[in-house]
Amino acid sequence: MGKFKVSEEDCRGMFVEIANTVFNQAWVLESDFSETEKVDEDVDGKKRRRVTLDLALQFPSRGSLRTWMEAAAVLNLRHVALLLKHKPDSVVATLGLDDATKAAGYKTYDVKASHLTLKSKDTGKRDVYTTGYMENASHSPEDAAANIKCTIEMLAILAGCTQDEIKDSLDFWMSDRAGDVEPTLDILGVEKNKRIKCCAHILLCIDEAIEKVIKRKERKIGVGKLLHVPNAKFDAEHMKGSVLLSGQIALAKMLSPSHAKEGVSLYSSFTAFLKDRDRKNEFKGFTSNRFGRRADTAVTFLDIKEDLQVFFDEQVDMGQNMLWAAVGSYVKSDWFNKCNSAYRDISEWLIYPLMDILGIDQHKDAPDQDRTWRGVRNFFRKALPDLEVKRKRLVNTGF
């Protein structure tokens, strides 16, 4: 709204259309005078007051909606509390904790988010419920523990039981590896054997390890030499990422639909160019902390590399835009191509098989009987010796 300057009345109109579609209603906003409205006479030149006689098709006011939304939130939280209170032994309950930010107009607020996962041992069915957000004014363990304790207290009140009963019904407490987590759980009195850690940071270490190796090599050789441009144009000491990372971000920004409306984007023209060649644009928006996204970008680039070079030669004036010039240098760089090739190989050896066995993103739809922690352990026991052989082979090639 801040970007497009939508008026409040237009915004309400959009909400009415959405609500009519979702709830199968025929609500309308207040309109000009009709047969269902009574209009008071003008008094001393003041604006006439319009009163609706038939409320059947009138969209509820903001005050009324706020009341019902608050009531719905309480009912949802009570439903979660009752599920915990009456949870059978065959269901495993895990409370996930994390920090997040929520947008509110032009501001963002730090919040402590928590959600409950219930999984049946018998059927394997998994249900996830949110317990809402609490303001995270400071990231101290004391304040975090107070917020979580407040959530548990609300669940206990709504379920008609004690806080200890709610805590006892939780089999595991899952969190990231932030420094304030362990002190927070200590304050809450959570047993050590109930604490589990999220593996996302461990998985992202694969991307980080590749990034460090490539960047160390670039600093030793010189970025300017690798891209065949003067070193004066590059400040390697202050570059945030390697040539590979910078190139992948530039490619995704210029060719993915996530930035299609920006002036630097060539998404529409490149998509049309590929369509004439019976190809499809598979570039996605770049997310550095999304496991597997950099692998997808590398594989996509290598698949359409030749088409991309022809597109730049025929349709792109690289002197018109700095981003286009940078991408043109990356595309023609032998170093950038080799880095993407290495990333593709590592993806086939480790990243994609790991995403398959863990069921990450689109890989979760593929059936896999080894998708258990024992299966993950067996996977690494088999994969690590193979990776060591491949590592020595890469070292011998001089990469």
Protein backbone atom coordinates (compact mmCIF):
# COMPACT_ATOMS: atom_id res chain seq x y z
CA MET A 1 0.00 0.00 0.00
CA GLY A 2 2.86 2.34 0.80
CA LYS A 3 4.41 1.67 -2.59
CA PHE A 4 1.30 1.95 -4.75
CA LYS A 5 -0.62 4.49 -2.61
CA VAL A 6 -3.89 2.56 -2.58
CA SER A 7 -6.68 4.49 -0.89
CA GLU A 8 -8.41 2.97 2.11
CA GLU A 9 -11.71 2.80 0.22
CA ASP A 10 -10.13 0.96 -2.72
CA CYS A 11 -8.44 -1.43 -0.30
CA ARG A 12 -11.77 -2.17 1.38
CA GLY A 13 -13.25 -2.86 -2.03
CA MET A 14 -10.56 -5.43 -2.76
CA PHE A 15 -11.21 -7.11 0.59
CA VAL A 16 -14.92 -7.27 -0.21
CA GLU A 17 -14.27 -9.04 -3.51
CA ILE A 18 -11.89 -11.48 -1.82
CA ALA A 19 -14.33 -12.12 1.02
CA ASN A 20 -17.21 -12.71 -1.40
CA THR A 21 -15.11 -15.30 -3.26
CA VAL A 22 -13.85 -17.05 -0.14
CA PHE A 23 -17.12 -17.09 1.83
CA ASN A 24 -19.51 -17.30 -1.14
CA GLN A 25 -21.30 -14.09 -0.18
CA ALA A 26 -22.58 -11.03 -1.99
CA TRP A 27 -21.46 -8.26 0.32
CA VAL A 28 -21.28 -4.72 -1.03
CA LEU A 29 -19.80 -1.52 0.30
CA GLU A 30 -21.98 1.47 1.08
CA SER A 31 -22.99 3.02 -2.24
CA ASP A 32 -25.06 5.95 -3.42
CA PHE A 33 -28.63 6.33 -2.19
CA SER A 34 -30.82 3.31 -2.93
CA GLU A 35 -34.17 1.92 -1.88
CA THR A 36 -32.60 0.10 1.08
CA GLU A 37 -31.19 3.32 2.57
CA LYS A 38 -32.78 6.15 4.53
CA VAL A 39 -31.31 9.62 4.16
CA ASP A 40 -31.84 12.28 6.81
CA GLU A 41 -32.69 15.79 5.72
CA ASP A 42 -29.99 18.42 5.61
CA VAL A 43 -29.66 20.30 8.88
CA ASP A 44 -27.97 23.72 8.75
CA GLY A 45 -26.10 22.77 5.61
CA LYS A 46 -24.40 19.78 7.21
CA LYS A 47 -23.76 16.60 5.27
CA ARG A 48 -26.71 14.22 5.23
CA ARG A 49 -26.39 11.06 7.29
CA ARG A 50 -27.15 7.87 5.40
CA VAL A 51 -28.47 4.86 7.31
CA THR A 52 -28.75 1.39 5.76
CA LEU A 53 -32.03 -0.36 6.54
CA ASP A 54 -31.13 -3.76 5.07
CA LEU A 55 -27.88 -5.12 6.51
CA ALA A 56 -28.02 -8.48 4.71
CA LEU A 57 -25.61 -7.47 1.94
CA GLN A 58 -23.49 -4.93 3.84
CA PHE A 59 -19.83 -5.73 4.47
CA PRO A 60 -19.07 -5.65 8.22
CA SER A 61 -17.29 -2.61 9.60
CA ARG A 62 -13.66 -2.68 10.65
CA GLY A 63 -14.59 -2.60 14.32
CA SER A 64 -16.93 -5.54 13.91
CA LEU A 65 -14.38 -7.52 11.90
CA ARG A 66 -11.69 -6.87 14.50
CA THR A 67 -13.90 -8.26 17.25
CA TRP A 68 -14.67 -11.41 15.29
CA MET A 69 -11.04 -11.89 14.29
CA GLU A 70 -9.94 -11.68 17.93
CA ALA A 71 -12.66 -14.17 18.90
CA ALA A 72 -11.57 -16.53 16.11
CA ALA A 73 -7.95 -16.33 17.27
CA VAL A 74 -8.98 -17.27 20.82
CA LEU A 75 -11.09 -20.18 19.53
CA ASN A 76 -8.19 -21.45 17.41
CA LEU A 77 -5.82 -21.25 20.38
CA ARG A 78 -8.36 -23.08 22.54
CA HIS A 79 -8.55 -25.82 19.91
CA VAL A 80 -4.76 -26.22 20.08
CA ALA A 81 -4.89 -26.29 23.89
CA LEU A 82 -7.52 -29.04 23.90
CA LEU A 83 -5.51 -31.10 21.41
CA LEU A 84 -2.56 -30.97 23.79
CA LYS A 85 -4.65 -31.75 26.86
CA HIS A 86 -6.29 -34.83 25.30
CA LYS A 87 -3.28 -35.97 23.24
CA PRO A 88 -2.98 -39.79 23.16
CA ASP A 89 0.36 -41.52 23.70
CA SER A 90 0.48 -42.46 20.02
CA VAL A 91 0.84 -38.78 19.02
CA VAL A 92 4.17 -36.94 19.33
CA ALA A 93 3.92 -33.21 20.09
CA THR A 94 6.80 -30.87 19.19
CA LEU A 95 6.82 -27.15 20.00
CA GLY A 96 8.97 -25.19 17.54
CA LEU A 97 10.48 -21.87 18.60
CA ASP A 98 12.09 -19.20 16.42
CA ASP A 99 12.61 -15.46 16.03
CA ALA A 100 10.97 -13.64 13.15
CA THR A 101 9.96 -10.20 11.94
CA LYS A 102 6.45 -9.09 11.06
CA ALA A 103 5.62 -6.14 8.84
CA ALA A 104 3.11 -3.58 10.09
CA GLY A 105 2.71 -0.72 7.66
CA TYR A 106 6.08 0.97 7.30
CA LYS A 107 7.54 -0.73 10.37
CA THR A 108 8.77 -4.21 11.17
CA TYR A 109 8.63 -5.76 14.60
CA ASP A 110 10.77 -8.49 16.13
CA VAL A 111 8.54 -11.30 17.32
CA LYS A 112 8.94 -14.67 18.98
CA ALA A 113 7.09 -17.24 16.86
CA SER A 114 6.04 -20.70 17.99
CA HIS A 115 4.12 -23.52 16.34
CA LEU A 116 2.97 -26.97 17.39
CA THR A 117 3.49 -30.13 15.32
CA LEU A 118 1.44 -33.24 16.10
CA LYS A 119 2.44 -36.47 14.39
CA SER A 120 0.73 -39.83 14.81
CA LYS A 121 3.03 -42.83 15.27
CA ASP A 122 0.33 -45.14 13.86
CA THR A 123 -0.74 -43.33 10.68
CA GLY A 124 2.21 -40.97 10.13
CA LYS A 125 -0.21 -38.04 9.76
CA ARG A 126 1.31 -34.69 10.66
CA ASP A 127 -0.63 -31.56 11.62
CA VAL A 128 0.91 -28.15 12.27
CA TYR A 129 -0.77 -25.44 14.35
CA THR A 130 0.41 -21.94 15.13
CA THR A 131 0.30 -20.55 18.63
CA GLY A 132 0.66 -16.97 17.44
CA TYR A 133 3.33 -14.31 17.81
CA MET A 134 4.67 -12.57 20.89
CA GLU A 135 6.61 -9.32 20.81
CA ASN A 136 10.34 -9.87 21.15
CA ALA A 137 11.47 -6.50 22.43
CA SER A 138 14.90 -7.83 23.36
CA HIS A 139 16.66 -11.07 22.50
CA SER A 140 17.57 -11.81 26.11
CA PRO A 141 16.78 -15.31 27.44
CA GLU A 142 14.71 -13.82 30.26
CA ASP A 143 12.34 -11.97 27.92
CA ALA A 144 12.12 -14.93 25.54
CA ALA A 145 11.27 -17.27 28.42
CA ALA A 146 8.62 -14.82 29.66
CA ASN A 147 6.97 -14.76 26.20
CA ILE A 148 6.93 -18.55 25.91
CA LYS A 149 5.63 -18.87 29.47
CA CYS A 150 2.81 -16.45 28.60
CA THR A 151 1.84 -18.67 25.64
CA ILE A 152 1.83 -21.77 27.83
CA GLU A 153 -0.25 -19.94 30.43
CA MET A 154 -2.86 -18.98 27.81
CA LEU A 155 -3.03 -22.58 26.59
CA ALA A 156 -3.50 -23.84 30.15
CA ILE A 157 -6.31 -21.35 30.88
CA LEU A 158 -8.15 -22.17 27.65
CA ALA A 159 -7.78 -25.93 28.22
CA GLY A 160 -8.80 -25.73 31.88
CA CYS A 161 -5.62 -27.37 33.18
CA THR A 162 -2.32 -26.40 34.76
CA GLN A 163 0.79 -25.10 33.00
CA ASP A 164 2.71 -28.20 34.07
CA GLU A 165 0.16 -30.39 32.29
CA ILE A 166 0.65 -28.43 29.08
CA LYS A 167 4.44 -28.69 29.37
CA ASP A 168 4.27 -32.41 30.15
CA SER A 169 2.20 -33.00 27.01
CA LEU A 170 5.05 -31.62 24.89
CA ASP A 171 7.42 -34.41 23.87
CA PHE A 172 10.05 -32.19 22.24
CA TRP A 173 11.08 -28.54 22.05
CA MET A 174 12.68 -27.66 18.72
CA SER A 175 14.74 -24.55 18.05
CA ASP A 176 17.63 -23.19 16.01
CA ARG A 177 21.21 -22.95 17.29
CA ALA A 178 21.08 -19.33 18.49
CA GLY A 179 23.01 -18.53 21.65
CA ASP A 180 19.96 -17.46 23.66
CA VAL A 181 18.03 -20.72 23.16
CA GLU A 182 19.70 -22.93 25.77
CA PRO A 183 19.45 -20.31 28.58
CA THR A 184 15.80 -19.75 27.62
CA LEU A 185 14.98 -23.44 27.89
CA ASP A 186 16.91 -23.62 31.18
CA ILE A 187 14.73 -20.87 32.61
CA LEU A 188 11.61 -22.72 31.46
CA GLY A 189 12.87 -25.92 33.08
CA VAL A 190 12.81 -28.02 29.89
CA GLU A 191 14.59 -31.37 30.27
CA LYS A 192 17.74 -31.89 28.22
CA ASN A 193 16.37 -35.01 26.53
CA LYS A 194 13.42 -33.04 25.15
CA ARG A 195 15.55 -30.44 23.33
CA ILE A 196 16.22 -30.94 19.63
CA LYS A 197 17.94 -28.68 17.12
CA CYS A 198 16.90 -27.68 13.61
CA CYS A 199 19.23 -29.03 10.90
CA ALA A 200 18.72 -26.13 8.47
CA HIS A 201 21.92 -24.36 9.53
CA ILE A 202 23.92 -27.57 9.11
CA LEU A 203 22.57 -28.03 5.59
CA LEU A 204 23.37 -24.43 4.67
CA CYS A 205 26.96 -25.07 5.78
CA ILE A 206 27.39 -27.02 2.53
CA ASP A 207 26.71 -23.84 0.55
CA GLU A 208 28.89 -21.81 2.92
CA ALA A 209 31.82 -24.24 2.62
CA ILE A 210 31.68 -24.10 -1.19
CA GLU A 211 31.50 -20.31 -1.04
CA LYS A 212 34.58 -20.02 1.19
CA VAL A 213 36.68 -22.31 -0.99
CA ILE A 214 35.80 -20.40 -4.16
CA LYS A 215 36.32 -16.98 -2.60
CA ARG A 216 39.71 -17.97 -1.15
CA LYS A 217 40.80 -19.09 -4.61
CA GLU A 218 39.56 -15.83 -6.17
CA ARG A 219 41.48 -13.66 -3.74
CA LYS A 220 44.64 -15.61 -4.46
CA ILE A 221 44.34 -15.25 -8.24
CA GLY A 222 42.57 -11.90 -8.49
CA VAL A 223 38.98 -11.20 -9.50
CA GLY A 224 39.99 -8.96 -12.38
CA LYS A 225 42.08 -11.68 -13.99
CA LEU A 226 39.29 -14.23 -13.66
CA LEU A 227 36.75 -11.94 -15.33
CA HIS A 228 39.29 -10.43 -17.78
CA VAL A 229 38.58 -6.88 -16.62
CA PRO A 230 40.89 -4.35 -14.90
CA ASN A 231 41.45 -5.01 -11.19
CA ALA A 232 40.63 -1.39 -10.51
CA LYS A 233 36.96 -2.15 -11.06
CA PHE A 234 36.93 -4.73 -8.27
CA ASP A 235 37.62 -4.35 -4.57
CA ALA A 236 38.09 -7.99 -3.62
CA GLU A 237 38.66 -7.19 0.05
CA HIS A 238 35.16 -5.68 0.37
CA MET A 239 33.22 -7.98 -1.95
CA LYS A 240 30.40 -9.62 0.00
CA GLY A 241 30.51 -12.81 -2.03
CA SER A 242 32.45 -14.73 -4.60
CA VAL A 243 32.15 -14.28 -8.35
CA LEU A 244 29.85 -17.30 -8.36
CA LEU A 245 27.53 -15.87 -5.69
CA SER A 246 27.49 -12.37 -7.21
CA GLY A 247 26.83 -13.81 -10.68
CA GLN A 248 24.00 -16.04 -9.49
CA ILE A 249 22.33 -13.12 -7.72
CA ALA A 250 22.69 -10.93 -10.82
CA LEU A 251 21.31 -13.66 -13.09
CA ALA A 252 18.33 -14.31 -10.84
CA LYS A 253 17.60 -10.60 -10.51
CA MET A 254 17.76 -9.99 -14.24
CA LEU A 255 16.05 -13.14 -15.53
CA SER A 256 13.67 -14.37 -12.81
CA PRO A 257 9.98 -13.41 -12.46
CA SER A 258 10.56 -12.06 -8.93
CA HIS A 259 12.10 -8.86 -10.40
CA ALA A 260 10.18 -8.78 -13.68
CA LYS A 261 8.63 -5.36 -12.98
CA GLU A 262 11.96 -3.63 -12.34
CA GLY A 263 13.69 -1.61 -15.04
CA VAL A 264 16.83 -3.77 -14.99
CA SER A 265 14.88 -6.96 -15.68
CA LEU A 266 15.12 -8.79 -18.98
CA TYR A 267 12.71 -11.50 -17.90
CA SER A 268 10.01 -10.82 -20.49
CA SER A 269 12.34 -10.49 -23.48
CA PHE A 270 14.46 -13.49 -22.47
CA THR A 271 11.36 -15.63 -21.86
CA ALA A 272 10.05 -14.70 -25.32
CA PHE A 273 13.50 -15.42 -26.81
CA LEU A 274 13.53 -18.91 -25.27
CA LYS A 275 9.95 -19.54 -26.37
CA ASP A 276 10.98 -19.01 -30.00
CA ARG A 277 13.58 -21.73 -29.41
CA ASP A 278 11.06 -24.07 -27.74
CA ARG A 279 12.75 -23.56 -24.39
CA LYS A 280 11.43 -22.45 -21.02
CA ASN A 281 12.83 -19.90 -18.57
CA GLU A 282 13.46 -21.82 -15.33
CA PHE A 283 15.21 -19.09 -13.34
CA LYS A 284 13.80 -18.48 -9.86
CA GLY A 285 14.21 -15.63 -7.42
CA PHE A 286 17.51 -15.91 -5.53
CA THR A 287 17.37 -16.80 -1.83
CA SER A 288 20.79 -17.38 -0.28
CA ASN A 289 19.44 -19.12 2.84
CA ARG A 290 17.26 -21.56 0.90
CA PHE A 291 18.97 -24.93 0.74
CA GLY A 292 19.20 -26.13 -2.85
CA ARG A 293 18.39 -22.77 -4.48
CA ARG A 294 21.99 -22.06 -5.49
CA ALA A 295 22.24 -25.57 -6.92
CA ASP A 296 19.08 -24.96 -8.98
CA THR A 297 20.52 -21.69 -10.28
CA ALA A 298 23.78 -23.36 -11.31
CA VAL A 299 22.01 -26.21 -13.11
CA THR A 300 19.61 -23.80 -14.87
CA PHE A 301 22.46 -21.54 -16.01
CA LEU A 302 24.47 -24.40 -17.49
CA ASP A 303 21.37 -25.72 -19.26
CA ILE A 304 20.69 -22.45 -21.10
CA LYS A 305 24.23 -21.02 -21.20
CA GLU A 306 24.54 -21.11 -24.98
CA ASP A 307 21.07 -19.58 -25.47
CA LEU A 308 21.96 -16.86 -22.98
CA GLN A 309 25.15 -15.98 -24.85
CA VAL A 310 23.24 -15.71 -28.14
CA PHE A 311 20.58 -13.57 -26.42
CA PHE A 312 23.22 -11.14 -25.12
CA ASP A 313 24.95 -10.92 -28.49
CA GLU A 314 21.73 -10.28 -30.43
CA GLN A 315 19.44 -8.29 -28.12
CA VAL A 316 21.30 -6.78 -25.15
CA ASP A 317 23.21 -3.51 -25.18
CA MET A 318 25.55 -4.11 -22.25
CA GLY A 319 26.69 -0.49 -22.24
CA GLN A 320 23.17 0.65 -21.36
CA ASN A 321 22.99 -0.85 -17.88
CA MET A 322 25.61 -1.79 -15.27
CA LEU A 323 23.76 -4.98 -14.28
CA TRP A 324 23.57 -6.13 -17.90
CA ALA A 325 27.29 -5.43 -18.33
CA ALA A 326 28.10 -7.40 -15.17
CA VAL A 327 25.97 -10.38 -16.24
CA GLY A 328 27.57 -10.28 -19.68
CA SER A 329 31.01 -10.54 -18.03
CA TYR A 330 29.84 -13.43 -15.84
CA VAL A 331 28.35 -15.35 -18.76
CA LYS A 332 31.56 -15.09 -20.79
CA SER A 333 33.81 -15.87 -17.82
CA ASP A 334 35.45 -19.29 -17.94
CA TRP A 335 35.84 -19.15 -14.13
CA PHE A 336 32.14 -18.54 -13.57
CA ASN A 337 31.30 -21.46 -15.86
CA LYS A 338 33.70 -23.79 -14.06
CA CYS A 339 32.33 -22.80 -10.65
CA ASN A 340 28.78 -23.55 -11.80
CA SER A 341 29.93 -26.88 -13.22
CA ALA A 342 31.54 -27.80 -9.89
CA TYR A 343 28.39 -26.73 -8.04
CA ARG A 344 26.28 -28.90 -10.33
CA ASP A 345 28.50 -31.91 -9.67
CA ILE A 346 28.36 -31.39 -5.89
CA SER A 347 24.57 -31.01 -6.17
CA GLU A 348 24.27 -34.35 -7.93
CA TRP A 349 26.61 -36.03 -5.43
CA LEU A 350 25.29 -34.56 -2.19
CA ILE A 351 22.74 -31.73 -2.24
CA TYR A 352 19.94 -33.27 -4.32
CA PRO A 353 20.22 -36.75 -2.73
CA LEU A 354 20.10 -35.10 0.69
CA MET A 355 17.04 -33.07 -0.31
CA ASP A 356 15.41 -36.29 -1.52
CA ILE A 357 15.98 -38.19 1.69
CA LEU A 358 14.91 -35.25 3.88
CA GLY A 359 11.93 -34.33 1.68
CA ILE A 360 12.87 -30.67 1.17
CA ASP A 361 10.68 -28.49 -1.09
CA GLN A 362 9.48 -30.31 -4.23
CA HIS A 363 11.46 -33.41 -3.22
CA LYS A 364 8.95 -34.14 -0.45
CA ASP A 365 6.45 -35.41 -3.03
CA ALA A 366 8.78 -38.22 -4.11
CA PRO A 367 8.17 -41.42 -2.12
CA ASP A 368 11.17 -42.51 -0.08
CA GLN A 369 11.07 -45.29 2.50
CA ASP A 370 14.47 -44.22 3.84
CA ARG A 371 13.13 -40.81 4.92
CA THR A 372 13.97 -41.45 8.58
CA TRP A 373 16.85 -40.39 10.81
CA ARG A 374 18.27 -43.88 10.50
CA GLY A 375 18.05 -43.53 6.74
CA VAL A 376 19.91 -40.20 6.93
CA ARG A 377 22.66 -41.82 8.99
CA ASN A 378 22.99 -44.66 6.50
CA PHE A 379 23.08 -42.13 3.66
CA PHE A 380 26.05 -40.29 5.16
CA ARG A 381 27.86 -43.51 5.98
CA LYS A 382 27.67 -44.43 2.32
CA ALA A 383 28.15 -40.96 0.84
CA LEU A 384 31.15 -39.72 2.86
CA PRO A 385 33.68 -42.26 1.49
CA ASP A 386 32.50 -41.53 -2.05
CA LEU A 387 32.80 -37.79 -1.46
CA GLU A 388 36.34 -38.25 -0.16
CA VAL A 389 37.31 -40.01 -3.40
CA LYS A 390 35.71 -37.22 -5.46
CA ARG A 391 37.44 -34.57 -3.32
CA LYS A 392 40.86 -36.06 -4.01
CA ARG A 393 40.00 -36.20 -7.71
CA LEU A 394 39.08 -32.49 -7.68
CA VAL A 395 42.28 -31.63 -5.82
CA ASN A 396 44.34 -33.48 -8.41
CA THR A 397 42.66 -31.51 -11.21
CA GLY A 398 43.83 -28.25 -9.57
CA PHE A 399 40.40 -26.77 -8.84
